[in-house]
Amino acid sequence: MPKKPEASLDGTAEKESNVVPLNKESSKDQIAELNRMLAAVMNYISDDEVEEIDVTYLLQNTEGLKEWWDEFKESNRKDVEEEIKKSLNKLSLKELEQIREQIKEKQE
């Protein structure tokens, strides 16, 4: 937990997205917002008074970070699902059945 919870990390910027913006100005705004969030995180983790890094604190007190993280995780999940689908096409029926059995065993 941070020693200085009163030190707020939030700023004034819009919600972040990992979607590529349509124009240069929007891209610059997005880069500035990501830089602001990164600076807030780096300031927090480099603070000598912080004894233990509290990720929940960071997500709650850095404006836009939780939303960006949630969007990033969702995008990453979709990418992983696509990779799995592509990989499954390369497997034989027998290999797929073996995988299914392994999953069932782990669930029990």
Protein backbone atom coordinates (compact mmCIF):
# COMPACT_ATOMS: atom_id res chain seq x y z
CA MET A 1 0.00 0.00 0.00
CA PRO A 2 1.26 3.47 -0.73
CA LYS A 3 2.30 5.65 2.16
CA LYS A 4 0.91 8.77 0.50
CA PRO A 5 -2.65 7.91 -0.61
CA GLU A 6 -3.44 11.62 -0.80
CA ALA A 7 -1.09 11.99 -3.78
CA SER A 8 -3.54 11.65 -6.63
CA LEU A 9 -2.36 10.37 -10.00
CA ASP A 10 -5.33 11.51 -12.03
CA GLY A 11 -5.36 14.22 -14.71
CA THR A 12 -7.80 15.69 -17.19
CA ALA A 13 -8.02 13.63 -20.35
CA GLU A 14 -10.48 11.51 -22.26
CA LYS A 15 -10.95 7.73 -22.06
CA GLU A 16 -8.22 5.80 -23.90
CA SER A 17 -8.73 3.19 -26.55
CA ASN A 18 -6.32 0.90 -28.35
CA VAL A 19 -8.25 1.53 -31.58
CA VAL A 20 -6.22 3.45 -34.15
CA PRO A 21 -7.61 6.99 -34.50
CA LEU A 22 -8.79 8.27 -37.87
CA ASN A 23 -6.83 11.53 -37.94
CA LYS A 24 -3.43 12.88 -36.90
CA GLU A 25 -4.80 15.19 -34.20
CA SER A 26 -6.66 12.32 -32.57
CA SER A 27 -3.50 10.21 -32.73
CA LYS A 28 -1.48 12.96 -31.02
CA ASP A 29 -4.13 13.21 -28.31
CA GLN A 30 -4.03 9.46 -27.79
CA ILE A 31 -0.23 9.46 -27.56
CA ALA A 32 -0.34 12.35 -25.08
CA GLU A 33 -2.91 10.50 -22.97
CA LEU A 34 -0.86 7.28 -22.96
CA ASN A 35 2.25 9.29 -22.04
CA ARG A 36 0.35 10.91 -19.16
CA MET A 37 -0.80 7.53 -17.82
CA LEU A 38 2.69 6.03 -18.20
CA ALA A 39 4.23 8.98 -16.38
CA ALA A 40 1.71 8.61 -13.54
CA VAL A 41 2.52 4.91 -13.20
CA MET A 42 6.27 5.50 -13.33
CA ASN A 43 6.04 8.28 -10.73
CA TYR A 44 4.12 5.98 -8.44
CA ILE A 45 6.41 2.96 -8.74
CA SER A 46 9.57 5.06 -8.41
CA ASP A 47 8.33 6.83 -5.25
CA ASP A 48 10.68 5.86 -2.41
CA GLU A 49 7.84 6.14 0.10
CA VAL A 50 5.81 3.42 -1.62
CA GLU A 51 6.63 0.22 0.22
CA GLU A 52 4.48 -2.13 -1.85
CA ILE A 53 3.12 -1.52 -5.35
CA ASP A 54 -0.66 -1.56 -5.29
CA VAL A 55 -2.01 -2.15 -8.80
CA THR A 56 -5.59 -1.56 -7.64
CA TYR A 57 -4.55 1.85 -6.35
CA LEU A 58 -2.95 2.65 -9.69
CA LEU A 59 -6.02 1.57 -11.66
CA GLN A 60 -8.38 3.53 -9.42
CA ASN A 61 -6.29 6.70 -9.15
CA THR A 62 -4.89 7.14 -12.65
CA GLU A 63 -7.63 8.57 -14.81
CA GLY A 64 -8.33 6.42 -17.86
CA LEU A 65 -5.92 3.62 -16.92
CA LYS A 66 -8.56 1.09 -15.82
CA GLU A 67 -10.61 1.68 -18.99
CA TRP A 68 -7.50 1.38 -21.17
CA TRP A 69 -6.42 -1.81 -19.37
CA ASP A 70 -9.88 -3.38 -19.75
CA GLU A 71 -9.94 -2.56 -23.47
CA PHE A 72 -6.40 -3.89 -23.88
CA LYS A 73 -7.26 -7.18 -22.13
CA GLU A 74 -10.37 -7.61 -24.29
CA SER A 75 -8.44 -6.91 -27.49
CA ASN A 76 -5.70 -9.30 -26.41
CA ARG A 77 -8.29 -11.98 -25.56
CA LYS A 78 -9.74 -11.68 -29.06
CA ASP A 79 -6.28 -11.95 -30.62
CA VAL A 80 -5.54 -15.08 -28.56
CA GLU A 81 -8.88 -16.61 -29.57
CA GLU A 82 -8.09 -15.99 -33.25
CA GLU A 83 -4.66 -17.60 -32.86
CA ILE A 84 -6.24 -20.62 -31.19
CA LYS A 85 -8.81 -20.95 -33.97
CA LYS A 86 -6.06 -20.80 -36.60
CA SER A 87 -4.00 -23.38 -34.71
CA LEU A 88 -6.95 -25.73 -34.26
CA ASN A 89 -7.41 -25.93 -38.03
CA LYS A 90 -3.96 -27.50 -38.25
CA LEU A 91 -4.75 -30.29 -35.79
CA SER A 92 -6.15 -33.66 -36.68
CA LEU A 93 -9.42 -34.92 -35.22
CA LYS A 94 -7.49 -37.32 -33.01
CA GLU A 95 -5.33 -34.51 -31.62
CA LEU A 96 -8.43 -32.39 -30.95
CA GLU A 97 -10.06 -35.26 -29.06
CA GLN A 98 -6.92 -35.69 -26.94
CA ILE A 99 -6.96 -32.00 -26.07
CA ARG A 100 -10.64 -32.19 -25.18
CA GLU A 101 -9.97 -35.15 -22.85
CA GLN A 102 -7.10 -33.29 -21.17
CA ILE A 103 -9.36 -30.29 -20.56
CA LYS A 104 -12.08 -32.52 -19.10
CA GLU A 105 -9.56 -34.15 -16.74
CA LYS A 106 -8.33 -30.78 -15.50
CA GLN A 107 -11.86 -29.59 -14.85
CA GLU A 108 -12.63 -32.59 -12.63
